[in-house]
C-alpha atoms as a PDB file:
ATOM      1  CA  MET A   1      12.720 -15.958   3.037  1.00  0.00           C
ATOM      2  CA  TYR A   2      12.783 -15.486  -0.716  1.00  0.00           C
ATOM      3  CA  THR A   3       8.975 -15.529  -0.924  1.00  0.00           C
ATOM      4  CA  ASN A   4       8.752 -12.826   1.755  1.00  0.00           C
ATOM      5  CA  TRP A   5      11.179 -10.683  -0.213  1.00  0.00           C
ATOM      6  CA  ILE A   6       9.094 -11.199  -3.396  1.00  0.00           C
ATOM      7  CA  GLU A   7       5.915 -10.199  -1.547  1.00  0.00           C
ATOM      8  CA  ASP A   8       7.641  -7.067  -0.241  1.00  0.00           C
ATOM      9  CA  GLN A   9       8.730  -6.173  -3.761  1.00  0.00           C
ATOM     10  CA  ASN A  10       5.197  -6.719  -5.116  1.00  0.00           C
ATOM     11  CA  GLU A  11       3.733  -4.487  -2.394  1.00  0.00           C
ATOM     12  CA  GLU A  12       6.278  -1.793  -3.198  1.00  0.00           C
ATOM     13  CA  VAL A  13       5.396  -1.960  -6.899  1.00  0.00           C
ATOM     14  CA  LYS A  14       1.679  -1.647  -6.099  1.00  0.00           C
ATOM     15  CA  THR A  15       2.391   1.348  -3.884  1.00  0.00           C
ATOM     16  CA  LEU A  16       4.415   3.032  -6.615  1.00  0.00           C
ATOM     17  CA  ASP A  17       1.664   2.322  -9.173  1.00  0.00           C
ATOM     18  CA  ASN A  18      -0.947   3.886  -6.923  1.00  0.00           C
ATOM     19  CA  GLN A  19       1.258   6.917  -6.327  1.00  0.00           C
ATOM     20  CA  GLY A  20       1.695   7.276 -10.079  1.00  0.00           C
ATOM     21  CA  TYR A  21      -2.072   7.119 -10.601  1.00  0.00           C
ATOM     22  CA  LEU A  22      -2.562   9.713  -7.881  1.00  0.00           C
ATOM     23  CA  ILE A  23      -0.057  12.129  -9.382  1.00  0.00           C
ATOM     24  CA  GLY A  24      -1.359  11.489 -12.891  1.00  0.00           C
ATOM     25  CA  SER A  25      -4.947  12.120 -11.826  1.00  0.00           C
ATOM     26  CA  PHE A  26      -4.090  15.778 -11.235  1.00  0.00           C
ATOM     27  CA  ILE A  27      -2.715  16.152 -14.747  1.00  0.00           C
ATOM     28  CA  ASN A  28      -5.089  13.972 -16.789  1.00  0.00           C
ATOM     29  CA  PRO A  29      -7.865  12.291 -14.781  1.00  0.00           C
ATOM     30  CA  GLU A  30      -9.568  10.766 -17.829  1.00  0.00           C
ATOM     31  CA  ALA A  31      -6.416   8.902 -18.855  1.00  0.00           C
ATOM     32  CA  VAL A  32      -6.014   7.510 -15.344  1.00  0.00           C
ATOM     33  CA  LYS A  33      -9.627   6.293 -15.380  1.00  0.00           C
ATOM     34  CA  LYS A  34      -8.970   4.475 -18.642  1.00  0.00           C
ATOM     35  CA  ILE A  35      -5.774   2.914 -17.316  1.00  0.00           C
ATOM     36  CA  ILE A  36      -7.373   1.720 -14.104  1.00  0.00           C
ATOM     37  CA  GLY A  37     -10.532   0.596 -15.879  1.00  0.00           C
ATOM     38  CA  LYS A  38     -12.781   1.352 -12.938  1.00  0.00           C
ATOM     39  CA  ASP A  39     -14.937   3.856 -14.782  1.00  0.00           C
ATOM     40  CA  ALA A  40     -17.506   1.210 -15.755  1.00  0.00           C
ATOM     41  CA  ASN A  41     -17.672  -0.236 -12.219  1.00  0.00           C
ATOM     42  CA  THR A  42     -18.303   2.973 -10.304  1.00  0.00           C
ATOM     43  CA  ILE A  43     -21.656   4.149  -9.071  1.00  0.00           C
ATOM     44  CA  SER A  44     -22.419   7.820  -8.858  1.00  0.00           C
ATOM     45  CA  GLN A  45     -25.216   9.269  -6.770  1.00  0.00           C
ATOM     46  CA  THR A  46     -26.303  12.717  -5.801  1.00  0.00           C
ATOM     47  CA  ASP A  47     -26.470  13.642  -2.141  1.00  0.00           C
ATOM     48  CA  GLU A  48     -30.266  13.449  -2.218  1.00  0.00           C
ATOM     49  CA  GLU A  49     -30.223   9.927  -3.691  1.00  0.00           C
ATOM     50  CA  PHE A  50     -27.668   8.814  -1.110  1.00  0.00           C
ATOM     51  CA  ASP A  51     -29.734  10.233   1.751  1.00  0.00           C
ATOM     52  CA  LYS A  52     -32.871   8.562   0.406  1.00  0.00           C
ATOM     53  CA  ASN A  53     -31.169   5.168   0.003  1.00  0.00           C
ATOM     54  CA  SER A  54     -29.436   5.272   3.370  1.00  0.00           C
ATOM     55  CA  GLY A  55     -32.682   6.347   5.053  1.00  0.00           C
ATOM     56  CA  GLU A  56     -34.464   3.343   3.559  1.00  0.00           C
ATOM     57  CA  LEU A  57     -31.708   1.033   4.801  1.00  0.00           C
ATOM     58  CA  PHE A  58     -31.850   2.467   8.327  1.00  0.00           C
ATOM     59  CA  LYS A  59     -35.638   2.113   8.315  1.00  0.00           C
ATOM     60  CA  GLN A  60     -35.291  -1.521   7.253  1.00  0.00           C
ATOM     61  CA  PHE A  61     -32.711  -2.178   9.994  1.00  0.00           C
ATOM     62  CA  ARG A  62     -34.989  -0.625  12.635  1.00  0.00           C
ATOM     63  CA  GLU A  63     -37.880  -2.819  11.487  1.00  0.00           C
ATOM     64  CA  GLU A  64     -35.693  -5.931  11.717  1.00  0.00           C
ATOM     65  CA  ASP A  65     -34.586  -4.930  15.211  1.00  0.00           C
ATOM     66  CA  ALA A  66     -38.203  -4.415  16.294  1.00  0.00           C
ATOM     67  CA  GLN A  67     -39.146  -7.881  15.050  1.00  0.00           C
ATOM     68  CA  ALA A  68     -36.228  -9.574  16.753  1.00  0.00           C
ATOM     69  CA  GLU A  69     -36.711 -11.137  20.145  1.00  0.00           C
ATOM     70  CA  PRO A  70     -35.659  -8.884  23.009  1.00  0.00           C
ATOM     71  CA  LEU A  71     -32.534  -9.826  24.863  1.00  0.00           C
ATOM     72  CA  VAL A  72     -33.016 -11.495  28.214  1.00  0.00           C
ATOM     73  CA  LYS A  73     -31.059  -9.915  31.001  1.00  0.00           C
ATOM     74  CA  ARG A  74     -29.272 -12.455  33.069  1.00  0.00           C
ATOM     75  CA  LYS A  75     -29.737 -12.416  36.788  1.00  0.00           C
ATOM     76  CA  ARG A  76     -26.747 -11.488  38.825  1.00  0.00           C
ATOM     77  CA  LYS A  77     -25.957 -13.009  42.143  1.00  0.00           C
ATOM     78  CA  ARG A  78     -25.383 -10.640  44.982  1.00  0.00           C
ATOM     79  CA  LYS A  79     -22.010 -10.846  46.522  1.00  0.00           C
ATOM     80  CA  LYS A  80     -21.982 -11.754  50.157  1.00  0.00           C
ATOM     81  CA  ILE A  81     -19.965  -9.519  52.353  1.00  0.00           C
ATOM     82  CA  LYS A  82     -17.901 -11.313  54.966  1.00  0.00           C
ATOM     83  CA  GLU A  83     -18.176  -9.858  58.411  1.00  0.00           C
END
């Protein structure tokens, strides 16, 4: 029971932290980036780069699907109608 209460308190603190970051990002986004420390781990792409990369992935997936063995349809038994 105590551990559940502690977990609830930790979740509430995380929620309040995230709300603070959200509100602070409107005032000073650079400071929030420094606090969070995610600036070095983010990847930025233009729309053209994203479209190119996603197109290559879809092409690769289609090729893998074409090479895979086709699914075998199972035969269904006909139901007999009682007269």
